[in-house]
Amino acid sequence: MPQRRACPAQPLLRQPAWCAGLLPWLAAALLPAPAAWAGSAAARPPAAAAAAGFLQKTFETGPFSADNVDLANSGKKGFNWYFWNSFGCTATAADAHLAIGDDGALTLGGACGNGSLVSGAARPSDPQRFVGQAFGGGGYFEAEIRIDTTRPQQGHGWPSWWLLSAEHMWYLPQNYWPGQTNGYEHFLEIDAFEAMRPAGRADAYMATVHDWYGTFHKTCPPKAAFCQIITPYHDNIVAPARPIDWSRWHRIA
């Protein structure tokens, strides 16, 4: 049977996570969903989350501040967000172009080619091998995002928000599948939002699922790190019927 995977996430303004389930090895990162939501109407989960059975809010950031972002790159517990430090690259506040406004909104540029902030960071000395939050057993995620549309699109990246297997990122013991050849992996990458301007539209974006599998640089040589099954390109394009002004806040879920 497929193994459950936990995903660290990347933010912009606010990212509540409505999750059900708890990975046994992921101590206190998630709370199991109750049988029924208990709370005020204002605190109830979004309809899409409730319809999928995700009733317990387990994570939220807003406003951003030094209390919930590890600005000093300390790697200490207790923060919601850490600088990317996986796959041989560590971001900093300077190269991430990070700024927190008076309204608590977080501004990010690119860093490390893969990401600027993540909800958990690698910490090899820790028994869990990471610090922060990861989410297992499924979940509903949303973020409020706006983009500085006056800046030209860069050839090396674009605004994005995504989730990737924690087991893969931090080389956790659950990363390698039993019954397969040594080093065999199988993990998901969920690109919830990528402002790549597809279909010739500046207001369109991509939402893609990558199902990666195999042994690194062996199963699918010579160029591919892993084999993958990917959702079809044209199905990944989100092109709203009415134009979107990305200089204003929009909620992505």
Protein backbone atom coordinates (compact mmCIF):
# COMPACT_ATOMS: atom_id res chain seq x y z
CA MET A 1 0.00 0.00 0.00
CA PRO A 2 1.18 3.57 -0.58
CA GLN A 3 2.89 5.10 2.41
CA ARG A 4 1.53 8.25 4.00
CA ARG A 5 3.68 11.27 3.34
CA ALA A 6 4.08 14.46 5.29
CA CYS A 7 4.61 17.76 3.53
CA PRO A 8 6.33 20.94 4.57
CA ALA A 9 4.73 23.94 2.98
CA GLN A 10 5.71 27.35 1.60
CA PRO A 11 3.73 30.53 2.39
CA LEU A 12 2.97 34.02 1.41
CA LEU A 13 0.60 35.95 3.71
CA ARG A 14 -1.44 33.44 5.69
CA GLN A 15 -1.71 29.69 5.48
CA PRO A 16 -4.16 27.88 7.72
CA ALA A 17 -4.02 24.11 7.43
CA TRP A 18 -7.13 22.07 8.14
CA CYS A 19 -5.86 18.53 8.59
CA ALA A 20 -6.99 15.10 9.66
CA GLY A 21 -4.57 12.40 10.73
CA LEU A 22 -1.30 12.07 12.59
CA LEU A 23 1.82 10.28 11.44
CA PRO A 24 3.02 8.13 14.35
CA TRP A 25 6.60 9.46 14.08
CA LEU A 26 5.58 13.10 13.76
CA ALA A 27 5.21 14.02 17.43
CA ALA A 28 2.67 16.76 18.12
CA ALA A 29 2.82 18.24 14.62
CA LEU A 30 -0.86 17.57 13.98
CA LEU A 31 -4.01 17.06 15.98
CA PRO A 32 -6.48 14.35 14.98
CA ALA A 33 -9.72 15.73 13.56
CA PRO A 34 -12.67 15.55 15.95
CA ALA A 35 -15.83 13.77 14.90
CA ALA A 36 -17.62 17.10 14.70
CA TRP A 37 -16.36 20.68 14.58
CA ALA A 38 -16.69 22.43 17.93
CA GLY A 39 -16.43 26.20 17.87
CA SER A 40 -18.06 29.41 16.77
CA ALA A 41 -19.43 29.77 13.27
CA ALA A 42 -16.62 32.21 12.45
CA ALA A 43 -14.03 29.59 13.40
CA ARG A 44 -15.53 26.79 11.35
CA PRO A 45 -13.47 25.37 8.49
CA PRO A 46 -14.05 26.42 4.88
CA ALA A 47 -16.74 24.42 3.10
CA ALA A 48 -14.20 22.64 0.88
CA ALA A 49 -12.19 21.54 3.93
CA ALA A 50 -15.28 20.33 5.80
CA ALA A 51 -16.53 18.43 2.74
CA ALA A 52 -13.26 16.48 2.66
CA GLY A 53 -13.41 15.77 6.41
CA PHE A 54 -10.72 18.23 7.52
CA LEU A 55 -12.30 19.82 10.58
CA GLN A 56 -9.47 20.74 12.94
CA LYS A 57 -7.31 23.78 12.30
CA THR A 58 -3.73 22.75 13.08
CA PHE A 59 -1.62 25.59 11.70
CA GLU A 60 -1.99 29.29 10.93
CA THR A 61 0.30 32.29 10.57
CA GLY A 62 -0.81 35.88 10.56
CA PRO A 63 0.44 38.44 11.06
CA PHE A 64 4.03 37.47 10.28
CA SER A 65 6.65 38.63 12.78
CA ALA A 66 9.96 37.72 14.37
CA ASP A 67 7.92 35.57 16.76
CA ASN A 68 6.88 33.11 14.06
CA VAL A 69 9.64 33.44 11.41
CA ASP A 70 13.16 32.27 12.30
CA LEU A 71 14.78 35.44 10.96
CA ALA A 72 18.11 34.68 12.64
CA ASN A 73 18.36 31.22 11.03
CA SER A 74 18.77 29.76 14.51
CA GLY A 75 17.14 26.42 13.73
CA LYS A 76 15.47 26.52 17.12
CA LYS A 77 12.04 25.09 17.83
CA GLY A 78 8.99 27.28 18.25
CA PHE A 79 8.74 29.05 14.89
CA ASN A 80 6.19 28.55 12.10
CA TRP A 81 8.61 29.35 9.28
CA TYR A 82 12.28 28.63 8.61
CA PHE A 83 14.63 29.46 5.80
CA TRP A 84 15.06 26.75 3.21
CA ASN A 85 18.12 24.61 4.00
CA SER A 86 17.72 21.41 2.00
CA PHE A 87 19.59 19.80 -0.91
CA GLY A 88 22.81 21.65 -0.20
CA CYS A 89 21.47 25.19 -0.14
CA THR A 90 20.61 27.48 2.78
CA ALA A 91 18.63 30.68 2.24
CA THR A 92 18.99 33.84 4.31
CA ALA A 93 16.84 36.90 4.88
CA ALA A 94 19.09 38.87 2.53
CA ASP A 95 19.05 36.55 -0.48
CA ALA A 96 15.36 35.78 0.06
CA HIS A 97 14.66 39.55 -0.09
CA LEU A 98 12.47 39.02 2.96
CA ALA A 99 10.52 41.93 4.45
CA ILE A 100 7.66 42.07 6.96
CA GLY A 101 5.38 45.09 6.62
CA ASP A 102 3.64 47.04 9.35
CA ASP A 103 0.46 45.13 8.47
CA GLY A 104 2.19 41.78 9.14
CA ALA A 105 2.32 40.82 5.46
CA LEU A 106 5.40 38.90 4.35
CA THR A 107 7.26 39.77 1.14
CA LEU A 108 9.64 37.23 -0.42
CA GLY A 109 11.88 37.05 -3.43
CA GLY A 110 13.66 33.97 -4.71
CA ALA A 111 16.46 32.09 -2.97
CA CYS A 112 18.35 28.84 -3.48
CA GLY A 113 16.52 28.01 -6.68
CA ASN A 114 13.94 25.95 -4.75
CA GLY A 115 12.42 28.12 -2.08
CA SER A 116 12.79 30.85 0.48
CA LEU A 117 10.73 29.81 3.51
CA VAL A 118 9.40 26.42 4.57
CA SER A 119 7.30 25.28 7.51
CA GLY A 120 10.09 22.98 8.63
CA ALA A 121 13.86 22.91 8.25
CA ALA A 122 16.49 20.19 8.27
CA ARG A 123 18.29 19.62 11.56
CA PRO A 124 20.39 16.45 11.36
CA SER A 125 21.27 16.55 15.08
CA ASP A 126 17.59 16.27 16.06
CA PRO A 127 16.14 12.75 16.50
CA GLN A 128 13.34 13.74 14.11
CA ARG A 129 15.94 15.28 11.74
CA PHE A 130 13.93 18.46 11.31
CA VAL A 131 12.44 21.34 13.26
CA GLY A 132 9.06 22.92 12.61
CA GLN A 133 5.80 21.63 11.18
CA ALA A 134 4.93 18.94 8.66
CA PHE A 135 1.46 17.69 7.77
CA GLY A 136 0.40 14.09 7.25
CA GLY A 137 -2.76 12.16 6.49
CA GLY A 138 -4.05 14.72 3.99
CA GLY A 139 -5.06 18.32 4.50
CA TYR A 140 -6.64 21.51 3.23
CA PHE A 141 -4.29 24.47 2.77
CA GLU A 142 -4.90 28.05 1.78
CA ALA A 143 -2.81 31.19 1.42
CA GLU A 144 -3.51 34.83 0.67
CA ILE A 145 -1.17 35.97 -2.09
CA ARG A 146 -0.42 39.06 -4.10
CA ILE A 147 2.36 39.68 -6.62
CA ASP A 148 4.35 42.78 -7.51
CA THR A 149 3.31 42.86 -11.14
CA THR A 150 5.60 45.81 -11.90
CA ARG A 151 8.66 43.57 -11.66
CA PRO A 152 9.62 41.67 -14.83
CA GLN A 153 9.31 37.91 -14.79
CA GLN A 154 12.67 36.38 -14.00
CA GLY A 155 14.10 33.62 -16.14
CA HIS A 156 15.31 31.65 -13.12
CA GLY A 157 12.06 31.49 -11.16
CA TRP A 158 8.56 32.72 -10.43
CA PRO A 159 6.26 33.26 -7.40
CA SER A 160 5.17 29.87 -6.10
CA TRP A 161 3.65 27.97 -3.18
CA TRP A 162 4.11 24.23 -2.95
CA LEU A 163 4.31 21.12 -0.79
CA LEU A 164 6.94 18.38 -0.91
CA SER A 165 7.43 15.11 0.96
CA ALA A 166 9.17 15.72 4.29
CA GLU A 167 10.61 12.20 4.19
CA HIS A 168 12.34 13.02 0.91
CA MET A 169 13.52 16.51 1.89
CA TRP A 170 15.04 15.46 5.21
CA TYR A 171 16.08 11.89 4.37
CA LEU A 172 13.87 10.41 7.06
CA PRO A 173 13.88 6.62 7.56
CA GLN A 174 10.42 6.37 5.96
CA ASN A 175 11.86 7.83 2.73
CA TYR A 176 12.89 4.46 1.31
CA TRP A 177 10.26 1.92 0.40
CA PRO A 178 10.44 -1.65 1.76
CA GLY A 179 10.48 -4.40 -0.82
CA GLN A 180 12.17 -2.23 -3.44
CA THR A 181 15.80 -1.94 -4.50
CA ASN A 182 18.17 -0.06 -2.18
CA GLY A 183 17.56 3.70 -2.32
CA TYR A 184 14.16 3.47 -4.04
CA GLU A 185 11.86 6.43 -3.28
CA HIS A 186 8.26 7.34 -4.10
CA PHE A 187 6.97 10.78 -3.14
CA LEU A 188 4.68 13.60 -4.18
CA GLU A 189 5.37 17.21 -5.07
CA ILE A 190 2.23 19.35 -5.03
CA ASP A 191 2.67 22.71 -6.75
CA ALA A 192 -0.42 24.51 -5.49
CA PHE A 193 0.43 27.83 -7.14
CA GLU A 194 3.06 28.78 -9.70
CA ALA A 195 2.77 32.19 -11.38
CA MET A 196 4.43 31.06 -14.60
CA ARG A 197 2.10 33.08 -16.85
CA PRO A 198 0.98 30.05 -18.89
CA ALA A 199 -1.17 30.21 -22.02
CA GLY A 200 0.16 33.70 -22.72
CA ARG A 201 -1.83 35.17 -19.82
CA ALA A 202 -0.20 37.25 -17.11
CA ASP A 203 -3.08 36.48 -14.72
CA ALA A 204 -3.11 32.69 -15.21
CA TYR A 205 -1.14 30.28 -13.03
CA MET A 206 -0.23 26.61 -12.82
CA ALA A 207 -1.32 23.98 -10.29
CA THR A 208 0.52 20.68 -10.81
CA VAL A 209 1.00 17.31 -9.11
CA HIS A 210 4.24 15.37 -9.65
CA ASP A 211 4.38 11.70 -8.63
CA TRP A 212 8.13 10.99 -8.34
CA TYR A 213 9.56 7.49 -8.02
CA GLY A 214 12.71 5.45 -8.50
CA THR A 215 16.32 5.45 -7.36
CA PHE A 216 18.13 8.77 -7.70
CA HIS A 217 19.85 9.07 -11.11
CA LYS A 218 19.51 5.33 -11.71
CA THR A 219 15.94 4.30 -12.53
CA CYS A 220 15.37 6.86 -15.29
CA PRO A 221 18.79 7.78 -16.69
CA PRO A 222 20.57 9.62 -18.06
CA LYS A 223 19.14 13.08 -17.26
CA ALA A 224 16.25 12.52 -14.87
CA ALA A 225 16.86 12.51 -11.12
CA PHE A 226 13.69 10.42 -10.70
CA CYS A 227 10.94 9.04 -12.89
CA GLN A 228 7.66 10.89 -12.68
CA ILE A 229 3.98 10.81 -13.55
CA ILE A 230 2.69 14.37 -13.94
CA THR A 231 -0.76 15.81 -14.41
CA PRO A 232 -1.25 16.94 -18.04
CA TYR A 233 0.05 20.43 -18.83
CA HIS A 234 -3.22 21.85 -20.15
CA ASP A 235 -5.10 20.49 -17.12
CA ASN A 236 -2.65 22.30 -14.85
CA ILE A 237 -3.42 25.77 -16.20
CA VAL A 238 -5.76 27.82 -14.03
CA ALA A 239 -7.07 30.57 -16.31
CA PRO A 240 -10.04 32.35 -14.67
CA ALA A 241 -12.94 33.53 -16.79
CA ARG A 242 -12.34 37.11 -15.62
CA PRO A 243 -8.91 38.76 -15.50
CA ILE A 244 -7.18 38.76 -12.09
CA ASP A 245 -5.38 41.76 -10.68
CA TRP A 246 -2.50 40.10 -8.81
CA SER A 247 -1.48 43.38 -7.20
CA ARG A 248 -4.45 42.80 -4.87
CA TRP A 249 -4.79 40.01 -2.28
CA HIS A 250 -6.30 36.71 -3.45
CA ARG A 251 -6.94 33.53 -1.52
CA ILE A 252 -5.56 30.34 -3.06
CA ALA A 253 -6.65 26.94 -1.69
